[in-house]
C-alpha atoms as a PDB file:
ATOM      1  CA  MET A   1      -3.411   8.938  42.342  1.00  0.00           C
ATOM      2  CA  GLY A   2      -2.249   5.814  44.024  1.00  0.00           C
ATOM      3  CA  SER A   3      -5.435   4.095  42.381  1.00  0.00           C
ATOM      4  CA  PHE A   4      -3.853   4.439  38.734  1.00  0.00           C
ATOM      5  CA  THR A   5      -0.825   2.701  37.350  1.00  0.00           C
ATOM      6  CA  ASN A   6       1.660   4.538  34.856  1.00  0.00           C
ATOM      7  CA  SER A   7       1.149   4.452  31.293  1.00  0.00           C
ATOM      8  CA  PHE A   8       3.479   2.288  29.448  1.00  0.00           C
ATOM      9  CA  ILE A   9       6.439   5.007  28.400  1.00  0.00           C
ATOM     10  CA  PRO A  10       9.595   3.339  26.918  1.00  0.00           C
ATOM     11  CA  LYS A  11      13.021   4.530  27.855  1.00  0.00           C
ATOM     12  CA  LYS A  12      14.540   7.470  25.436  1.00  0.00           C
ATOM     13  CA  ASP A  13      15.946   5.399  23.039  1.00  0.00           C
ATOM     14  CA  ILE A  14      13.414   2.853  22.219  1.00  0.00           C
ATOM     15  CA  ARG A  15      11.204   6.132  22.020  1.00  0.00           C
ATOM     16  CA  GLU A  16      13.602   7.093  19.564  1.00  0.00           C
ATOM     17  CA  LEU A  17      13.709   3.753  17.908  1.00  0.00           C
ATOM     18  CA  ARG A  18       9.827   4.048  17.738  1.00  0.00           C
ATOM     19  CA  SER A  19       9.754   7.181  15.700  1.00  0.00           C
ATOM     20  CA  LEU A  20      12.251   5.692  13.350  1.00  0.00           C
ATOM     21  CA  TRP A  21      10.041   2.560  12.947  1.00  0.00           C
ATOM     22  CA  ALA A  22       7.246   4.515  12.562  1.00  0.00           C
ATOM     23  CA  SER A  23       9.112   6.659   9.755  1.00  0.00           C
ATOM     24  CA  PHE A  24      10.082   3.513   7.818  1.00  0.00           C
ATOM     25  CA  GLN A  25       6.490   2.144   7.924  1.00  0.00           C
ATOM     26  CA  GLN A  26       5.173   5.475   6.671  1.00  0.00           C
ATOM     27  CA  ILE A  27       7.578   5.080   3.707  1.00  0.00           C
ATOM     28  CA  LYS A  28       7.108   1.657   2.939  1.00  0.00           C
ATOM     29  CA  HIS A  29       3.252   2.202   3.054  1.00  0.00           C
ATOM     30  CA  GLN A  30       3.698   4.976   0.454  1.00  0.00           C
ATOM     31  CA  TYR A  31       5.971   2.732  -1.669  1.00  0.00           C
ATOM     32  CA  GLU A  32       3.050  -0.299  -1.525  1.00  0.00           C
ATOM     33  CA  ASN A  33       0.701   2.271  -2.759  1.00  0.00           C
ATOM     34  CA  ASN A  34       2.780   3.951  -5.562  1.00  0.00           C
ATOM     35  CA  ARG A  35       3.794   0.359  -6.699  1.00  0.00           C
ATOM     36  CA  ARG A  36       0.037  -0.834  -6.820  1.00  0.00           C
ATOM     37  CA  SER A  37      -0.638   2.456  -8.758  1.00  0.00           C
ATOM     38  CA  LEU A  38       2.025   1.919 -11.324  1.00  0.00           C
ATOM     39  CA  LEU A  39       0.770  -1.621 -12.151  1.00  0.00           C
ATOM     40  CA  ASN A  40      -2.895  -0.565 -12.406  1.00  0.00           C
ATOM     41  CA  SER A  41      -1.862   2.054 -14.634  1.00  0.00           C
ATOM     42  CA  LEU A  42       0.013  -0.251 -16.820  1.00  0.00           C
ATOM     43  CA  ALA A  43      -3.126  -2.699 -17.003  1.00  0.00           C
ATOM     44  CA  ASP A  44      -5.284   0.698 -17.672  1.00  0.00           C
ATOM     45  CA  TYR A  45      -3.022   0.469 -21.335  1.00  0.00           C
ATOM     46  CA  GLY A  46      -3.389  -2.897 -22.006  1.00  0.00           C
ATOM     47  CA  CYS A  47      -0.161  -4.288 -20.368  1.00  0.00           C
ATOM     48  CA  GLN A  48      -0.753  -7.396 -18.274  1.00  0.00           C
ATOM     49  CA  PHE A  49       2.386  -7.005 -16.662  1.00  0.00           C
ATOM     50  CA  ALA A  50       1.307  -7.744 -13.378  1.00  0.00           C
ATOM     51  CA  ASN A  51      -0.102 -11.515 -14.776  1.00  0.00           C
ATOM     52  CA  ILE A  52       2.951 -12.713 -15.556  1.00  0.00           C
ATOM     53  CA  VAL A  53       4.960 -12.208 -12.369  1.00  0.00           C
ATOM     54  CA  SER A  54       4.316 -13.344  -8.789  1.00  0.00           C
ATOM     55  CA  ASP A  55       6.104 -10.305  -7.091  1.00  0.00           C
ATOM     56  CA  SER A  56       6.601  -7.366  -9.234  1.00  0.00           C
ATOM     57  CA  ARG A  57       9.617  -6.278  -6.724  1.00  0.00           C
ATOM     58  CA  GLY A  58      11.750  -9.368  -7.992  1.00  0.00           C
ATOM     59  CA  VAL A  59      14.859  -9.119  -9.958  1.00  0.00           C
ATOM     60  CA  THR A  60      13.581 -10.390 -13.208  1.00  0.00           C
ATOM     61  CA  ALA A  61      10.347  -8.350 -12.857  1.00  0.00           C
ATOM     62  CA  GLN A  62      12.119  -5.374 -12.534  1.00  0.00           C
ATOM     63  CA  ARG A  63      14.081  -5.771 -15.596  1.00  0.00           C
ATOM     64  CA  ILE A  64      10.927  -6.847 -17.554  1.00  0.00           C
ATOM     65  CA  LEU A  65       9.126  -3.715 -16.530  1.00  0.00           C
ATOM     66  CA  GLU A  66      12.201  -1.549 -17.275  1.00  0.00           C
ATOM     67  CA  ALA A  67      12.087  -3.320 -20.971  1.00  0.00           C
ATOM     68  CA  ILE A  68       8.335  -2.047 -20.985  1.00  0.00           C
ATOM     69  CA  LEU A  69       9.067   1.268 -20.063  1.00  0.00           C
ATOM     70  CA  SER A  70      12.214   1.839 -22.471  1.00  0.00           C
ATOM     71  CA  GLY A  71      10.033   2.114 -25.498  1.00  0.00           C
ATOM     72  CA  ASP A  72      11.312  -0.928 -27.397  1.00  0.00           C
ATOM     73  CA  THR A  73       8.433  -2.714 -29.532  1.00  0.00           C
ATOM     74  CA  GLY A  74       8.175  -5.375 -31.849  1.00  0.00           C
ATOM     75  CA  GLU A  75      11.403  -7.424 -32.431  1.00  0.00           C
ATOM     76  CA  ALA A  76      13.669  -5.149 -30.310  1.00  0.00           C
ATOM     77  CA  LEU A  77      11.366  -6.043 -27.307  1.00  0.00           C
ATOM     78  CA  ARG A  78      11.319  -9.602 -28.010  1.00  0.00           C
ATOM     79  CA  LYS A  79      15.095  -9.727 -28.339  1.00  0.00           C
ATOM     80  CA  HIS A  80      15.520  -7.657 -24.621  1.00  0.00           C
ATOM     81  CA  ILE A  81      12.871 -10.176 -23.034  1.00  0.00           C
ATOM     82  CA  ARG A  82      14.516 -13.327 -24.516  1.00  0.00           C
ATOM     83  CA  LYS A  83      18.078 -12.032 -22.585  1.00  0.00           C
ATOM     84  CA  ILE A  84      16.204 -11.190 -19.468  1.00  0.00           C
ATOM     85  CA  LEU A  85      14.982 -15.056 -19.437  1.00  0.00           C
ATOM     86  CA  ASP A  86      18.284 -16.183 -20.460  1.00  0.00           C
ATOM     87  CA  ASP A  87      20.113 -14.340 -17.555  1.00  0.00           C
ATOM     88  CA  MET A  88      16.936 -15.775 -14.976  1.00  0.00           C
ATOM     89  CA  HIS A  89      17.769 -19.162 -15.882  1.00  0.00           C
ATOM     90  CA  LYS A  90      21.454 -18.837 -14.915  1.00  0.00           C
ATOM     91  CA  ARG A  91      20.503 -17.566 -11.666  1.00  0.00           C
ATOM     92  CA  ARG A  92      19.380 -19.785  -8.321  1.00  0.00           C
ATOM     93  CA  GLY A  93      15.822 -19.291  -7.086  1.00  0.00           C
ATOM     94  CA  ARG A  94      12.194 -18.670  -8.663  1.00  0.00           C
ATOM     95  CA  LYS A  95      11.559 -18.815 -12.039  1.00  0.00           C
ATOM     96  CA  LEU A  96       8.897 -17.315 -14.254  1.00  0.00           C
ATOM     97  CA  SER A  97       6.387 -20.136 -15.403  1.00  0.00           C
ATOM     98  CA  ALA A  98       5.456 -17.884 -18.567  1.00  0.00           C
ATOM     99  CA  GLY A  99       7.586 -18.266 -21.842  1.00  0.00           C
ATOM    100  CA  LEU A 100       9.148 -15.960 -24.015  1.00  0.00           C
ATOM    101  CA  ASP A 101       5.694 -15.832 -26.065  1.00  0.00           C
ATOM    102  CA  GLU A 102       3.324 -15.643 -23.409  1.00  0.00           C
ATOM    103  CA  ILE A 103       5.293 -13.028 -21.901  1.00  0.00           C
ATOM    104  CA  CYS A 104       5.604 -10.811 -25.152  1.00  0.00           C
ATOM    105  CA  GLU A 105       1.635 -11.045 -25.600  1.00  0.00           C
ATOM    106  CA  ALA A 106       1.019  -9.880 -22.272  1.00  0.00           C
ATOM    107  CA  ILE A 107       3.107  -6.912 -22.390  1.00  0.00           C
ATOM    108  CA  GLU A 108       1.829  -5.707 -25.454  1.00  0.00           C
ATOM    109  CA  SER A 109       0.322  -2.160 -24.888  1.00  0.00           C
ATOM    110  CA  ASN A 110      -0.512   1.112 -26.650  1.00  0.00           C
ATOM    111  CA  ILE A 111       1.308   2.951 -24.169  1.00  0.00           C
ATOM    112  CA  THR A 112       2.110   6.579 -25.770  1.00  0.00           C
ATOM    113  CA  PRO A 113       5.331   8.376 -25.382  1.00  0.00           C
ATOM    114  CA  ALA A 114       3.700  11.177 -22.650  1.00  0.00           C
ATOM    115  CA  ILE A 115       2.142   8.099 -20.702  1.00  0.00           C
ATOM    116  CA  ARG A 116       5.511   6.482 -20.875  1.00  0.00           C
ATOM    117  CA  MET A 117       7.517   9.237 -19.613  1.00  0.00           C
ATOM    118  CA  ALA A 118       4.710   9.590 -16.493  1.00  0.00           C
ATOM    119  CA  LEU A 119       5.353   5.845 -15.640  1.00  0.00           C
ATOM    120  CA  ASN A 120       8.963   6.372 -15.749  1.00  0.00           C
ATOM    121  CA  LEU A 121       8.630   9.205 -13.276  1.00  0.00           C
ATOM    122  CA  ARG A 122       6.614   6.782 -11.104  1.00  0.00           C
ATOM    123  CA  SER A 123       9.062   4.191 -11.581  1.00  0.00           C
ATOM    124  CA  ASN A 124      11.948   6.324 -10.343  1.00  0.00           C
ATOM    125  CA  GLN A 125      10.128   7.433  -7.556  1.00  0.00           C
ATOM    126  CA  LEU A 126       9.470   3.737  -6.417  1.00  0.00           C
ATOM    127  CA  LYS A 127      13.575   3.731  -6.355  1.00  0.00           C
ATOM    128  CA  ILE A 128      14.094   6.605  -4.189  1.00  0.00           C
ATOM    129  CA  TYR A 129      11.675   5.313  -1.917  1.00  0.00           C
ATOM    130  CA  GLU A 130      13.489   1.766  -1.837  1.00  0.00           C
ATOM    131  CA  ASP A 131      16.515   3.890  -1.064  1.00  0.00           C
ATOM    132  CA  HIS A 132      14.964   5.738   1.656  1.00  0.00           C
ATOM    133  CA  MET A 133      13.601   2.536   3.124  1.00  0.00           C
ATOM    134  CA  LYS A 134      16.914   1.016   3.115  1.00  0.00           C
ATOM    135  CA  THR A 135      18.795   3.811   4.739  1.00  0.00           C
ATOM    136  CA  VAL A 136      16.373   4.328   7.634  1.00  0.00           C
ATOM    137  CA  PHE A 137      16.094   0.246   8.435  1.00  0.00           C
ATOM    138  CA  ASP A 138      20.006   0.199   8.199  1.00  0.00           C
ATOM    139  CA  THR A 139      19.830   2.878  10.782  1.00  0.00           C
ATOM    140  CA  ILE A 140      17.821   1.193  12.984  1.00  0.00           C
ATOM    141  CA  LYS A 141      19.279  -2.272  12.682  1.00  0.00           C
ATOM    142  CA  VAL A 142      22.569  -0.801  13.894  1.00  0.00           C
ATOM    143  CA  MET A 143      20.945   0.930  17.152  1.00  0.00           C
ATOM    144  CA  VAL A 144      19.291  -2.139  17.890  1.00  0.00           C
ATOM    145  CA  LEU A 145      21.819  -4.719  17.623  1.00  0.00           C
ATOM    146  CA  LYS A 146      24.145  -2.092  19.654  1.00  0.00           C
ATOM    147  CA  SER A 147      22.022  -2.057  22.533  1.00  0.00           C
ATOM    148  CA  TYR A 148      19.818  -4.996  22.492  1.00  0.00           C
ATOM    149  CA  LYS A 149      21.944  -7.736  20.469  1.00  0.00           C
ATOM    150  CA  GLU A 150      20.910 -10.396  23.212  1.00  0.00           C
ATOM    151  CA  LEU A 151      17.041  -9.932  23.073  1.00  0.00           C
ATOM    152  CA  TYR A 152      17.293  -9.907  19.369  1.00  0.00           C
ATOM    153  CA  ASP A 153      18.679 -13.266  19.640  1.00  0.00           C
ATOM    154  CA  LEU A 154      15.963 -14.440  21.844  1.00  0.00           C
ATOM    155  CA  LEU A 155      13.241 -13.374  19.845  1.00  0.00           C
ATOM    156  CA  LEU A 156      14.624 -15.010  17.050  1.00  0.00           C
ATOM    157  CA  THR A 157      14.162 -18.115  18.228  1.00  0.00           C
ATOM    158  CA  ILE A 158      10.069 -17.691  17.787  1.00  0.00           C
ATOM    159  CA  PRO A 159       8.984 -19.496  14.782  1.00  0.00           C
ATOM    160  CA  GLY A 160       7.860 -17.266  11.634  1.00  0.00           C
ATOM    161  CA  THR A 161      10.514 -14.354  12.582  1.00  0.00           C
ATOM    162  CA  GLU A 162      12.711 -12.944  10.810  1.00  0.00           C
ATOM    163  CA  ASP A 163      15.167  -9.970  10.862  1.00  0.00           C
ATOM    164  CA  MET A 164      12.687  -7.216  10.242  1.00  0.00           C
ATOM    165  CA  SER A 165      10.169  -8.358  12.407  1.00  0.00           C
ATOM    166  CA  VAL A 166      12.092  -9.015  15.405  1.00  0.00           C
ATOM    167  CA  ILE A 167      13.586  -5.272  15.147  1.00  0.00           C
ATOM    168  CA  GLY A 168       9.827  -4.167  14.744  1.00  0.00           C
ATOM    169  CA  ILE A 169       9.406  -5.756  18.206  1.00  0.00           C
ATOM    170  CA  ILE A 170      12.105  -4.197  19.894  1.00  0.00           C
ATOM    171  CA  CYS A 171      11.435  -0.671  18.702  1.00  0.00           C
ATOM    172  CA  VAL A 172       7.781  -0.819  19.784  1.00  0.00           C
ATOM    173  CA  VAL A 173       8.149  -2.207  23.318  1.00  0.00           C
ATOM    174  CA  GLY A 174      11.647  -2.448  24.144  1.00  0.00           C
ATOM    175  CA  ASP A 175      13.273  -4.699  26.850  1.00  0.00           C
ATOM    176  CA  ASP A 176      11.269  -3.339  29.498  1.00  0.00           C
ATOM    177  CA  LEU A 177       7.678  -4.533  30.138  1.00  0.00           C
ATOM    178  CA  SER A 178       7.061  -3.850  34.080  1.00  0.00           C
ATOM    179  CA  SER A 179       4.435  -1.483  33.278  1.00  0.00           C
ATOM    180  CA  PHE A 180       2.224  -4.223  32.807  1.00  0.00           C
ATOM    181  CA  SER A 181       1.432  -6.521  35.822  1.00  0.00           C
ATOM    182  CA  SER A 182       0.350  -9.265  33.986  1.00  0.00           C
ATOM    183  CA  ILE A 183       0.706 -11.049  30.300  1.00  0.00           C
ATOM    184  CA  LYS A 184      -3.346 -10.384  30.011  1.00  0.00           C
ATOM    185  CA  LYS A 185      -2.729  -6.869  30.194  1.00  0.00           C
ATOM    186  CA  PHE A 186       0.134  -6.662  27.453  1.00  0.00           C
ATOM    187  CA  ALA A 187      -1.931  -8.774  25.285  1.00  0.00           C
ATOM    188  CA  SER A 188      -4.652  -6.346  25.789  1.00  0.00           C
ATOM    189  CA  TRP A 189      -2.527  -3.654  25.163  1.00  0.00           C
ATOM    190  CA  THR A 190      -1.246  -4.951  21.764  1.00  0.00           C
ATOM    191  CA  GLY A 191      -5.004  -4.944  20.545  1.00  0.00           C
ATOM    192  CA  LEU A 192      -4.488  -8.773  19.703  1.00  0.00           C
ATOM    193  CA  ALA A 193      -6.402 -10.018  22.916  1.00  0.00           C
ATOM    194  CA  PRO A 194     -10.212 -11.589  22.131  1.00  0.00           C
ATOM    195  CA  GLY A 195     -12.924  -9.126  23.225  1.00  0.00           C
ATOM    196  CA  ASN A 196     -15.147 -10.122  26.094  1.00  0.00           C
ATOM    197  CA  ASN A 197     -18.679  -8.658  24.999  1.00  0.00           C
ATOM    198  CA  ILE A 198     -21.074 -10.595  27.386  1.00  0.00           C
ATOM    199  CA  SER A 199     -24.279  -9.802  28.750  1.00  0.00           C
ATOM    200  CA  ALA A 200     -26.881 -11.886  30.109  1.00  0.00           C
ATOM    201  CA  GLY A 201     -24.556 -14.704  29.781  1.00  0.00           C
ATOM    202  CA  VAL A 202     -24.529 -14.092  25.836  1.00  0.00           C
ATOM    203  CA  SER A 203     -21.314 -13.814  23.538  1.00  0.00           C
ATOM    204  CA  TYR A 204     -22.124 -10.934  21.544  1.00  0.00           C
ATOM    205  CA  SER A 205     -18.797 -10.220  20.007  1.00  0.00           C
ATOM    206  CA  SER A 206     -15.008 -11.237  20.786  1.00  0.00           C
ATOM    207  CA  ARG A 207     -13.551  -9.049  18.211  1.00  0.00           C
ATOM    208  CA  ILE A 208     -10.119  -7.702  18.775  1.00  0.00           C
ATOM    209  CA  THR A 209      -9.304  -3.812  19.788  1.00  0.00           C
ATOM    210  CA  HIS A 210      -7.115  -1.504  17.854  1.00  0.00           C
ATOM    211  CA  GLY A 211      -3.932  -1.779  19.926  1.00  0.00           C
ATOM    212  CA  ASN A 212      -0.664  -0.201  18.279  1.00  0.00           C
ATOM    213  CA  ARG A 213      -0.921  -0.735  14.631  1.00  0.00           C
ATOM    214  CA  TYR A 214       2.681  -1.125  13.935  1.00  0.00           C
ATOM    215  CA  PHE A 215       3.064  -3.869  16.594  1.00  0.00           C
ATOM    216  CA  ARG A 216       0.058  -5.550  15.709  1.00  0.00           C
ATOM    217  CA  ARG A 217       0.801  -5.429  11.995  1.00  0.00           C
ATOM    218  CA  THR A 218       4.472  -7.017  12.830  1.00  0.00           C
ATOM    219  CA  ILE A 219       2.777  -9.791  15.067  1.00  0.00           C
ATOM    220  CA  LEU A 220       0.266 -10.433  12.197  1.00  0.00           C
ATOM    221  CA  ALA A 221       3.167 -10.999   9.671  1.00  0.00           C
ATOM    222  CA  ILE A 222       4.820 -13.455  11.915  1.00  0.00           C
ATOM    223  CA  ALA A 223       1.504 -15.495  12.262  1.00  0.00           C
ATOM    224  CA  GLN A 224       1.541 -15.184   8.534  1.00  0.00           C
ATOM    225  CA  GLY A 225       4.985 -17.143   8.514  1.00  0.00           C
ATOM    226  CA  CYS A 226       3.665 -19.635  10.688  1.00  0.00           C
ATOM    227  CA  ALA A 227       0.863 -20.229   8.725  1.00  0.00           C
ATOM    228  CA  ASN A 228       2.752 -20.475   5.494  1.00  0.00           C
ATOM    229  CA  GLN A 229       5.160 -23.335   6.843  1.00  0.00           C
ATOM    230  CA  LYS A 230       4.514 -26.391   4.686  1.00  0.00           C
ATOM    231  CA  LYS A 231       7.114 -28.736   6.044  1.00  0.00           C
ATOM    232  CA  ASN A 232       8.510 -29.294   9.627  1.00  0.00           C
ATOM    233  CA  LYS A 233       5.709 -27.062  10.817  1.00  0.00           C
ATOM    234  CA  SER A 234       6.412 -25.526  14.066  1.00  0.00           C
ATOM    235  CA  GLY A 235       4.159 -25.970  17.169  1.00  0.00           C
ATOM    236  CA  LEU A 236       2.137 -22.696  16.115  1.00  0.00           C
ATOM    237  CA  GLY A 237       2.185 -24.147  12.673  1.00  0.00           C
ATOM    238  CA  ASN A 238       0.176 -26.781  13.931  1.00  0.00           C
ATOM    239  CA  LEU A 239      -1.880 -24.798  16.037  1.00  0.00           C
ATOM    240  CA  PHE A 240      -2.799 -22.596  13.273  1.00  0.00           C
ATOM    241  CA  GLN A 241      -3.748 -25.357  11.041  1.00  0.00           C
ATOM    242  CA  ARG A 242      -6.029 -27.078  13.905  1.00  0.00           C
ATOM    243  CA  LEU A 243      -7.713 -24.047  14.309  1.00  0.00           C
ATOM    244  CA  ARG A 244      -8.255 -23.022  10.676  1.00  0.00           C
ATOM    245  CA  GLU A 245     -10.517 -26.067  10.419  1.00  0.00           C
ATOM    246  CA  ARG A 246     -12.536 -25.456  13.129  1.00  0.00           C
ATOM    247  CA  LYS A 247     -12.637 -21.523  12.946  1.00  0.00           C
ATOM    248  CA  GLY A 248     -11.383 -20.271   9.740  1.00  0.00           C
ATOM    249  CA  TYR A 249      -8.062 -18.470   8.365  1.00  0.00           C
ATOM    250  CA  ASN A 250      -8.487 -15.115   9.885  1.00  0.00           C
ATOM    251  CA  LYS A 251      -9.526 -16.415  13.151  1.00  0.00           C
ATOM    252  CA  ALA A 252      -6.883 -18.863  13.136  1.00  0.00           C
ATOM    253  CA  LYS A 253      -4.345 -16.357  12.429  1.00  0.00           C
ATOM    254  CA  VAL A 254      -5.320 -13.542  14.950  1.00  0.00           C
ATOM    255  CA  ALA A 255      -5.391 -16.665  17.701  1.00  0.00           C
ATOM    256  CA  VAL A 256      -1.854 -17.427  16.792  1.00  0.00           C
ATOM    257  CA  ALA A 257      -0.960 -13.621  16.775  1.00  0.00           C
ATOM    258  CA  HIS A 258      -2.156 -13.792  20.222  1.00  0.00           C
ATOM    259  CA  LYS A 259      -0.305 -16.509  21.170  1.00  0.00           C
ATOM    260  CA  ILE A 260       3.220 -15.344  20.036  1.00  0.00           C
ATOM    261  CA  VAL A 261       2.488 -12.023  21.939  1.00  0.00           C
ATOM    262  CA  ARG A 262       2.522 -14.263  25.143  1.00  0.00           C
ATOM    263  CA  ILE A 263       5.447 -15.463  23.963  1.00  0.00           C
ATOM    264  CA  ILE A 264       7.296 -12.532  23.509  1.00  0.00           C
ATOM    265  CA  TYR A 265       6.064 -11.085  27.112  1.00  0.00           C
ATOM    266  CA  VAL A 266       7.677 -14.143  28.590  1.00  0.00           C
ATOM    267  CA  ILE A 267      11.184 -13.971  26.699  1.00  0.00           C
ATOM    268  CA  ILE A 268      11.321 -10.177  27.406  1.00  0.00           C
ATOM    269  CA  THR A 269      10.727 -10.717  31.046  1.00  0.00           C
ATOM    270  CA  ARG A 270      12.418 -13.593  31.698  1.00  0.00           C
ATOM    271  CA  LYS A 271      15.046 -13.368  29.181  1.00  0.00           C
ATOM    272  CA  VAL A 272      14.814 -17.044  28.036  1.00  0.00           C
ATOM    273  CA  LYS A 273      14.815 -18.464  24.313  1.00  0.00           C
ATOM    274  CA  TYR A 274      11.737 -19.981  22.838  1.00  0.00           C
ATOM    275  CA  GLU A 275      11.522 -23.940  22.906  1.00  0.00           C
ATOM    276  CA  ASP A 276       9.659 -25.211  20.398  1.00  0.00           C
ATOM    277  CA  SER A 277       7.458 -28.417  20.790  1.00  0.00           C
ATOM    278  CA  PRO A 278       6.037 -29.472  17.423  1.00  0.00           C
ATOM    279  CA  ASN A 279       3.852 -31.985  18.535  1.00  0.00           C
ATOM    280  CA  ASP A 280       3.341 -33.775  15.177  1.00  0.00           C
ATOM    281  CA  GLN A 281       0.870 -36.237  16.336  1.00  0.00           C
ATOM    282  CA  SER A 282      -1.552 -33.506  17.610  1.00  0.00           C
ATOM    283  CA  LEU A 283      -3.162 -32.567  14.148  1.00  0.00           C
ATOM    284  CA  ALA A 284      -3.528 -36.088  13.371  1.00  0.00           C
ATOM    285  CA  LYS A 285      -5.241 -36.965  16.509  1.00  0.00           C
ATOM    286  CA  PHE A 286      -7.142 -33.669  16.240  1.00  0.00           C
ATOM    287  CA  ARG A 287      -8.730 -34.724  12.947  1.00  0.00           C
ATOM    288  CA  MET A 288      -9.461 -38.412  14.137  1.00  0.00           C
ATOM    289  CA  ASP A 289     -11.507 -37.145  17.156  1.00  0.00           C
ATOM    290  CA  GLN A 290     -13.377 -34.868  14.709  1.00  0.00           C
ATOM    291  CA  VAL A 291     -14.251 -37.572  12.353  1.00  0.00           C
ATOM    292  CA  LYS A 292     -15.400 -39.758  15.610  1.00  0.00           C
ATOM    293  CA  ARG A 293     -17.503 -36.835  16.771  1.00  0.00           C
ATOM    294  CA  ALA A 294     -19.048 -36.298  13.511  1.00  0.00           C
ATOM    295  CA  ILE A 295     -20.047 -40.030  13.239  1.00  0.00           C
ATOM    296  CA  SER A 296     -21.473 -39.718  16.979  1.00  0.00           C
ATOM    297  CA  ARG A 297     -23.624 -36.466  16.100  1.00  0.00           C
ATOM    298  CA  ALA A 298     -25.112 -37.989  12.794  1.00  0.00           C
ATOM    299  CA  LYS A 299     -26.065 -41.108  14.988  1.00  0.00           C
ATOM    300  CA  ILE A 300     -24.867 -43.399  12.361  1.00  0.00           C
ATOM    301  CA  THR A 301     -22.182 -45.294  14.104  1.00  0.00           C
ATOM    302  CA  GLU A 302     -23.921 -48.552  13.298  1.00  0.00           C
ATOM    303  CA  GLY A 303     -22.121 -50.009   9.940  1.00  0.00           C
ATOM    304  CA  LEU A 304     -19.367 -47.554  10.287  1.00  0.00           C
ATOM    305  CA  CYS A 305     -15.754 -48.366  11.880  1.00  0.00           C
ATOM    306  CA  VAL A 306     -13.347 -45.912  12.736  1.00  0.00           C
ATOM    307  CA  GLN A 307      -9.520 -47.337  12.142  1.00  0.00           C
ATOM    308  CA  SER A 308      -6.404 -45.517  12.978  1.00  0.00           C
ATOM    309  CA  GLU A 309      -2.487 -46.144  12.260  1.00  0.00           C
ATOM    310  CA  THR A 310      -0.117 -45.672  14.896  1.00  0.00           C
ATOM    311  CA  SER A 311       3.586 -46.001  14.555  1.00  0.00           C
ATOM    312  CA  ASN A 312       5.860 -48.083  16.682  1.00  0.00           C
ATOM    313  CA  GLN A 313       5.910 -45.289  19.519  1.00  0.00           C
ATOM    314  CA  GLY A 314       2.189 -45.551  19.713  1.00  0.00           C
ATOM    315  CA  LYS A 315       1.593 -42.020  18.131  1.00  0.00           C
ATOM    316  CA  VAL A 316      -1.435 -41.805  16.154  1.00  0.00           C
ATOM    317  CA  ILE A 317      -0.505 -41.383  12.413  1.00  0.00           C
ATOM    318  CA  CYS A 318      -3.866 -41.091  10.528  1.00  0.00           C
ATOM    319  CA  ALA A 319      -7.406 -42.011  10.862  1.00  0.00           C
ATOM    320  CA  SER A 320      -9.767 -43.695   8.107  1.00  0.00           C
ATOM    321  CA  VAL A 321     -13.539 -44.594   8.260  1.00  0.00           C
ATOM    322  CA  SER A 322     -14.845 -47.697   6.535  1.00  0.00           C
ATOM    323  CA  MET A 323     -17.847 -49.749   6.098  1.00  0.00           C
ATOM    324  CA  THR A 324     -18.200 -52.734   7.635  1.00  0.00           C
ATOM    325  CA  GLN A 325     -20.832 -55.653   6.684  1.00  0.00           C
ATOM    326  CA  PRO A 326     -23.211 -56.980   9.331  1.00  0.00           C
ATOM    327  CA  THR A 327     -22.401 -60.368  10.594  1.00  0.00           C
END
């Protein structure tokens, strides 16, 4: 038995949190399936509700859906929608780009009373799922903050994380990773490490493995948060942008997720917070190097001049290519 290492079996309270987190994810999955089914049913009867809202779970979207399912038609429905839009403009946050006429035209449908009754039942079922998700998540959050508040605060320093993602990490792996002798083995267990299918010096595949689906889903959501950063990009956001330009969106996202897994391992084992280093100039330098390599490969450097603009500190800001007249 000395040749085998112990399997990763967390403590009893983490196993309990794992079970609750799995229940939360299953309820969430059922909620999303039913929500998509409701939107598809509306579209089948000519109601283009999904085309006028970017998020059907928003406050305004939910009120418009209730107006559709209320049975109002004609001027009564138009009056109802006008009141919803007036209330929307009084609140802060994102606004619908569609106007009153466009919304009323999109939600016109031929839904019969019997179909409307079925859709109302499905809408009520979605509210039940929402209540169940809130109950389970609140229970999990209380348990996590009671026993793992310090680790919770440390994991929140990772760019792209939020309340739900940090709680998901703690529920799956806990605060003890002594079962993994190295950071590579932990990354392999998560299923986010690149594959190594090489034979006779030829790499046939570098696809990731399955791993823990709930943990992998959480880490990929964090990587997506880094990818969505528009201003004040973090180091992980810049890493995603560089890899995206070379490898494509999906491969860049998985690579950033792998980086996040390694960061999580260091935070849990060493109990230190993540210190971000954006390195704003790395992306501009990377792009300038790409321009130089492209010119070199094409063998047309004669007559072309690569120029770089630098700041007072000598850092590269941008690169440009221009034609030069022969002298």
